[in-house]
Amino acid sequence: MLEGKQSVVSRARRAFIKGHVGTDHIASVLVQAWPEKMPAVKAGLMKLPGVESHQSDGNGKLIVTIEASSEAALADTMAIIESSPGIINASLVYHHAEDLSGDLGDV
């Protein structure tokens, strides 16, 4: 439990130092792509800020996470993913917003 709290506090401190005190958004997205285009799709997704690839089934399905500073930025990234070459569909599976403006500990 403490490790998770330390991670949140560290992120909050970094955000505070960078002047970003607001809400942090993280989302899990299921991306469906043409299987033969998967290497290019993965490479393109990794170039997007805040996007990480986690698992692929080898048949065109890929799980990615998106971290963004606002719902608008999250939606923009989803739109870019959906309109990328080789991608058939991107479905939001999970979305969480963390308020970073609360207690930042001993910053």
N, C-alpha and C. Protein backbone atom coordinates (compact mmCIF):
# COMPACT_ATOMS: atom_id res chain seq x y z
N MET A 1 0.81 -1.19 0.00
CA MET A 1 0.00 0.00 0.00
C MET A 1 0.86 1.26 0.00
N LEU A 2 1.90 1.26 0.79
CA LEU A 2 2.75 2.44 0.90
C LEU A 2 3.43 2.75 -0.43
N GLU A 3 3.81 1.72 -1.18
CA GLU A 3 4.47 1.96 -2.46
C GLU A 3 3.56 2.74 -3.39
N GLY A 4 2.28 2.39 -3.48
CA GLY A 4 1.34 3.11 -4.33
C GLY A 4 1.21 4.55 -3.90
N LYS A 5 1.17 4.81 -2.60
CA LYS A 5 1.07 6.17 -2.08
C LYS A 5 2.33 6.95 -2.42
N GLN A 6 3.49 6.32 -2.30
CA GLN A 6 4.73 7.00 -2.63
C GLN A 6 4.73 7.41 -4.10
N SER A 7 4.22 6.55 -4.97
CA SER A 7 4.17 6.86 -6.39
C SER A 7 3.29 8.08 -6.65
N VAL A 8 2.12 8.12 -6.01
CA VAL A 8 1.21 9.25 -6.17
C VAL A 8 1.86 10.52 -5.65
N VAL A 9 2.51 10.44 -4.49
CA VAL A 9 3.17 11.62 -3.92
C VAL A 9 4.29 12.09 -4.84
N SER A 10 5.09 11.16 -5.37
CA SER A 10 6.18 11.54 -6.27
C SER A 10 5.65 12.24 -7.51
N ARG A 11 4.57 11.68 -8.10
CA ARG A 11 3.97 12.32 -9.27
C ARG A 11 3.45 13.69 -8.92
N ALA A 12 2.81 13.82 -7.75
CA ALA A 12 2.27 15.10 -7.32
C ALA A 12 3.38 16.12 -7.12
N ARG A 13 4.49 15.69 -6.56
CA ARG A 13 5.62 16.61 -6.37
C ARG A 13 6.19 17.07 -7.70
N ARG A 14 6.36 16.12 -8.63
CA ARG A 14 6.87 16.50 -9.95
C ARG A 14 5.93 17.49 -10.63
N ALA A 15 4.62 17.22 -10.54
CA ALA A 15 3.64 18.11 -11.15
C ALA A 15 3.70 19.49 -10.50
N PHE A 16 3.83 19.53 -9.18
CA PHE A 16 3.90 20.80 -8.47
C PHE A 16 5.14 21.59 -8.90
N ILE A 17 6.28 20.92 -8.98
CA ILE A 17 7.53 21.58 -9.38
C ILE A 17 7.42 22.13 -10.80
N LYS A 18 6.73 21.38 -11.67
CA LYS A 18 6.57 21.82 -13.06
C LYS A 18 5.44 22.84 -13.21
N GLY A 19 4.75 23.14 -12.12
CA GLY A 19 3.68 24.13 -12.18
C GLY A 19 2.34 23.55 -12.57
N HIS A 20 2.23 22.24 -12.65
CA HIS A 20 0.97 21.61 -13.00
C HIS A 20 0.31 21.06 -11.74
N VAL A 21 -0.67 21.78 -11.27
CA VAL A 21 -1.42 21.31 -10.12
C VAL A 21 -2.88 21.29 -10.56
N GLY A 22 -3.38 20.14 -10.82
CA GLY A 22 -4.74 19.99 -11.30
C GLY A 22 -5.14 18.54 -11.22
N THR A 23 -5.55 17.99 -12.34
CA THR A 23 -6.01 16.61 -12.38
C THR A 23 -5.17 15.83 -13.39
N ASP A 24 -4.80 14.63 -13.01
CA ASP A 24 -4.06 13.73 -13.87
C ASP A 24 -5.02 12.63 -14.31
N HIS A 25 -5.06 12.33 -15.60
CA HIS A 25 -5.96 11.32 -16.13
C HIS A 25 -5.17 10.15 -16.66
N ILE A 26 -5.67 8.95 -16.41
CA ILE A 26 -5.08 7.75 -16.98
C ILE A 26 -6.22 6.90 -17.53
N ALA A 27 -5.98 6.33 -18.70
CA ALA A 27 -7.00 5.52 -19.35
C ALA A 27 -6.38 4.27 -19.93
N SER A 28 -7.17 3.22 -19.96
CA SER A 28 -6.79 1.97 -20.61
C SER A 28 -7.64 1.86 -21.87
N VAL A 29 -6.99 1.53 -22.98
CA VAL A 29 -7.67 1.51 -24.27
C VAL A 29 -7.36 0.19 -24.98
N LEU A 30 -8.39 -0.43 -25.54
CA LEU A 30 -8.21 -1.61 -26.38
C LEU A 30 -8.18 -1.13 -27.82
N VAL A 31 -7.05 -1.37 -28.47
CA VAL A 31 -6.87 -0.95 -29.87
C VAL A 31 -6.95 -2.19 -30.74
N GLN A 32 -7.77 -2.13 -31.78
CA GLN A 32 -7.86 -3.20 -32.76
C GLN A 32 -7.24 -2.69 -34.06
N ALA A 33 -6.28 -3.45 -34.57
CA ALA A 33 -5.57 -3.06 -35.79
C ALA A 33 -5.51 -4.25 -36.74
N TRP A 34 -5.19 -3.96 -37.98
CA TRP A 34 -4.96 -5.04 -38.94
C TRP A 34 -3.70 -5.77 -38.50
N PRO A 35 -3.78 -7.10 -38.31
CA PRO A 35 -2.63 -7.86 -37.79
C PRO A 35 -1.33 -7.63 -38.57
N GLU A 36 -1.42 -7.54 -39.87
CA GLU A 36 -0.21 -7.35 -40.68
C GLU A 36 0.41 -5.96 -40.51
N LYS A 37 -0.33 -5.04 -39.94
CA LYS A 37 0.17 -3.67 -39.73
C LYS A 37 0.59 -3.43 -38.29
N MET A 38 0.52 -4.46 -37.45
CA MET A 38 0.78 -4.30 -36.02
C MET A 38 2.15 -3.69 -35.70
N PRO A 39 3.26 -4.09 -36.32
CA PRO A 39 4.54 -3.45 -35.99
C PRO A 39 4.54 -1.94 -36.23
N ALA A 40 3.95 -1.51 -37.34
CA ALA A 40 3.89 -0.07 -37.64
C ALA A 40 2.93 0.64 -36.68
N VAL A 41 1.84 -0.03 -36.32
CA VAL A 41 0.87 0.56 -35.38
C VAL A 41 1.53 0.78 -34.02
N LYS A 42 2.22 -0.25 -33.52
CA LYS A 42 2.90 -0.13 -32.23
C LYS A 42 3.94 0.99 -32.25
N ALA A 43 4.72 1.06 -33.32
CA ALA A 43 5.75 2.10 -33.44
C ALA A 43 5.11 3.49 -33.44
N GLY A 44 4.00 3.64 -34.14
CA GLY A 44 3.31 4.93 -34.18
C GLY A 44 2.73 5.32 -32.85
N LEU A 45 2.17 4.35 -32.13
CA LEU A 45 1.58 4.64 -30.82
C LEU A 45 2.63 5.07 -29.81
N MET A 46 3.81 4.46 -29.89
CA MET A 46 4.87 4.79 -28.92
C MET A 46 5.42 6.20 -29.12
N LYS A 47 5.16 6.80 -30.27
CA LYS A 47 5.60 8.17 -30.52
C LYS A 47 4.66 9.21 -29.90
N LEU A 48 3.46 8.78 -29.52
CA LEU A 48 2.49 9.70 -28.93
C LEU A 48 2.83 9.95 -27.47
N PRO A 49 2.81 11.21 -27.04
CA PRO A 49 3.11 11.51 -25.63
C PRO A 49 2.09 10.90 -24.68
N GLY A 50 2.59 10.26 -23.63
CA GLY A 50 1.73 9.69 -22.61
C GLY A 50 1.15 8.32 -22.94
N VAL A 51 1.54 7.74 -24.09
CA VAL A 51 0.99 6.45 -24.51
C VAL A 51 2.02 5.35 -24.28
N GLU A 52 1.57 4.25 -23.68
CA GLU A 52 2.42 3.08 -23.47
C GLU A 52 1.67 1.84 -23.94
N SER A 53 2.39 0.93 -24.58
CA SER A 53 1.83 -0.34 -25.03
C SER A 53 2.12 -1.40 -23.98
N HIS A 54 1.12 -2.25 -23.71
CA HIS A 54 1.31 -3.23 -22.65
C HIS A 54 1.19 -4.68 -23.10
N GLN A 55 0.24 -4.99 -23.93
CA GLN A 55 0.02 -6.38 -24.29
C GLN A 55 -0.61 -6.46 -25.67
N SER A 56 -0.20 -7.45 -26.44
CA SER A 56 -0.79 -7.69 -27.75
C SER A 56 -1.07 -9.18 -27.87
N ASP A 57 -2.18 -9.51 -28.52
CA ASP A 57 -2.52 -10.93 -28.68
C ASP A 57 -1.98 -11.52 -29.97
N GLY A 58 -1.33 -10.71 -30.80
CA GLY A 58 -0.79 -11.20 -32.06
C GLY A 58 -1.81 -11.25 -33.18
N ASN A 59 -3.07 -11.02 -32.86
CA ASN A 59 -4.13 -11.05 -33.87
C ASN A 59 -4.73 -9.67 -34.11
N GLY A 60 -4.00 -8.63 -33.74
CA GLY A 60 -4.47 -7.28 -34.01
C GLY A 60 -5.05 -6.55 -32.82
N LYS A 61 -5.07 -7.17 -31.65
CA LYS A 61 -5.58 -6.49 -30.47
C LYS A 61 -4.41 -6.08 -29.58
N LEU A 62 -4.47 -4.84 -29.11
CA LEU A 62 -3.38 -4.26 -28.34
C LEU A 62 -3.96 -3.45 -27.19
N ILE A 63 -3.40 -3.62 -26.00
CA ILE A 63 -3.83 -2.83 -24.84
C ILE A 63 -2.80 -1.72 -24.63
N VAL A 64 -3.29 -0.48 -24.55
CA VAL A 64 -2.41 0.66 -24.29
C VAL A 64 -2.98 1.48 -23.14
N THR A 65 -2.10 2.23 -22.49
CA THR A 65 -2.55 3.21 -21.50
C THR A 65 -2.18 4.59 -21.99
N ILE A 66 -3.00 5.54 -21.61
CA ILE A 66 -2.78 6.94 -21.95
C ILE A 66 -2.78 7.73 -20.65
N GLU A 67 -1.75 8.55 -20.45
CA GLU A 67 -1.72 9.49 -19.33
C GLU A 67 -1.80 10.89 -19.91
N ALA A 68 -2.72 11.69 -19.36
CA ALA A 68 -2.93 13.05 -19.87
C ALA A 68 -3.27 13.98 -18.72
N SER A 69 -3.09 15.26 -18.95
CA SER A 69 -3.34 16.26 -17.90
C SER A 69 -4.78 16.76 -17.87
N SER A 70 -5.57 16.39 -18.87
CA SER A 70 -6.97 16.82 -18.89
C SER A 70 -7.81 15.84 -19.71
N GLU A 71 -9.12 15.92 -19.53
CA GLU A 71 -10.01 15.07 -20.33
C GLU A 71 -9.89 15.42 -21.81
N ALA A 72 -9.71 16.70 -22.11
CA ALA A 72 -9.58 17.12 -23.50
C ALA A 72 -8.32 16.52 -24.14
N ALA A 73 -7.21 16.53 -23.40
CA ALA A 73 -5.98 15.95 -23.92
C ALA A 73 -6.14 14.44 -24.11
N LEU A 74 -6.84 13.80 -23.20
CA LEU A 74 -7.11 12.37 -23.31
C LEU A 74 -7.96 12.08 -24.55
N ALA A 75 -9.00 12.87 -24.75
CA ALA A 75 -9.87 12.70 -25.92
C ALA A 75 -9.11 12.96 -27.22
N ASP A 76 -8.25 13.96 -27.21
CA ASP A 76 -7.44 14.26 -28.40
C ASP A 76 -6.52 13.09 -28.75
N THR A 77 -5.89 12.51 -27.74
CA THR A 77 -5.01 11.36 -27.97
C THR A 77 -5.81 10.18 -28.50
N MET A 78 -6.99 9.94 -27.94
CA MET A 78 -7.85 8.86 -28.44
C MET A 78 -8.22 9.10 -29.90
N ALA A 79 -8.53 10.34 -30.26
CA ALA A 79 -8.89 10.65 -31.64
C ALA A 79 -7.71 10.40 -32.58
N ILE A 80 -6.50 10.76 -32.15
CA ILE A 80 -5.30 10.51 -32.96
C ILE A 80 -5.11 9.02 -33.14
N ILE A 81 -5.28 8.25 -32.07
CA ILE A 81 -5.13 6.80 -32.16
C ILE A 81 -6.14 6.22 -33.14
N GLU A 82 -7.40 6.61 -32.99
CA GLU A 82 -8.46 6.06 -33.85
C GLU A 82 -8.25 6.39 -35.33
N SER A 83 -7.64 7.53 -35.61
CA SER A 83 -7.46 7.92 -37.01
C SER A 83 -6.09 7.52 -37.58
N SER A 84 -5.29 6.80 -36.80
CA SER A 84 -3.97 6.38 -37.26
C SER A 84 -4.09 5.25 -38.29
N PRO A 85 -3.17 5.23 -39.27
CA PRO A 85 -3.20 4.17 -40.29
C PRO A 85 -3.05 2.79 -39.67
N GLY A 86 -3.84 1.85 -40.16
CA GLY A 86 -3.76 0.47 -39.69
C GLY A 86 -4.66 0.15 -38.51
N ILE A 87 -5.24 1.17 -37.90
CA ILE A 87 -6.10 0.95 -36.73
C ILE A 87 -7.56 0.90 -37.17
N ILE A 88 -8.24 -0.13 -36.71
CA ILE A 88 -9.65 -0.32 -37.03
C ILE A 88 -10.53 0.40 -36.01
N ASN A 89 -10.17 0.24 -34.71
CA ASN A 89 -11.00 0.79 -33.65
C ASN A 89 -10.17 0.97 -32.38
N ALA A 90 -10.56 1.94 -31.56
CA ALA A 90 -9.96 2.12 -30.24
C ALA A 90 -11.11 2.30 -29.25
N SER A 91 -11.16 1.43 -28.25
CA SER A 91 -12.26 1.45 -27.28
C SER A 91 -11.74 1.76 -25.88
N LEU A 92 -12.32 2.77 -25.27
CA LEU A 92 -11.98 3.12 -23.90
C LEU A 92 -12.48 2.02 -22.97
N VAL A 93 -11.58 1.45 -22.16
CA VAL A 93 -11.94 0.38 -21.25
C VAL A 93 -12.04 0.91 -19.82
N TYR A 94 -11.13 1.83 -19.45
CA TYR A 94 -11.06 2.33 -18.08
C TYR A 94 -10.53 3.75 -18.11
N HIS A 95 -11.09 4.59 -17.24
CA HIS A 95 -10.62 5.97 -17.11
C HIS A 95 -10.63 6.35 -15.64
N HIS A 96 -9.52 6.93 -15.18
CA HIS A 96 -9.42 7.37 -13.80
C HIS A 96 -8.82 8.77 -13.78
N ALA A 97 -9.37 9.64 -12.95
CA ALA A 97 -8.83 10.99 -12.77
C ALA A 97 -8.37 11.14 -11.34
N GLU A 98 -7.15 11.62 -11.17
CA GLU A 98 -6.55 11.81 -9.84
C GLU A 98 -6.35 13.30 -9.62
N ASP A 99 -6.94 13.82 -8.55
CA ASP A 99 -6.80 15.23 -8.21
C ASP A 99 -5.43 15.47 -7.59
N LEU A 100 -4.60 16.27 -8.24
CA LEU A 100 -3.26 16.57 -7.75
C LEU A 100 -3.19 17.85 -6.94
N SER A 101 -4.31 18.53 -6.78
CA SER A 101 -4.28 19.81 -6.10
C SER A 101 -4.43 19.67 -4.58
N GLY A 102 -4.62 18.45 -4.11
CA GLY A 102 -4.77 18.23 -2.66
C GLY A 102 -3.46 18.33 -1.94
N ASP A 103 -3.39 17.70 -0.79
CA ASP A 103 -2.20 17.73 0.06
C ASP A 103 -1.03 17.10 -0.65
N LEU A 104 0.05 17.84 -0.82
CA LEU A 104 1.25 17.35 -1.50
C LEU A 104 2.31 16.87 -0.53
N GLY A 105 1.94 16.72 0.71
CA GLY A 105 2.90 16.24 1.71
C GLY A 105 3.89 17.34 2.08
N ASP A 106 5.13 16.96 2.29
CA ASP A 106 6.15 17.93 2.71
C ASP A 106 6.97 18.42 1.52
N VAL A 107 6.30 19.02 0.56
CA VAL A 107 6.98 19.55 -0.63
C VAL A 107 7.79 20.77 -0.26
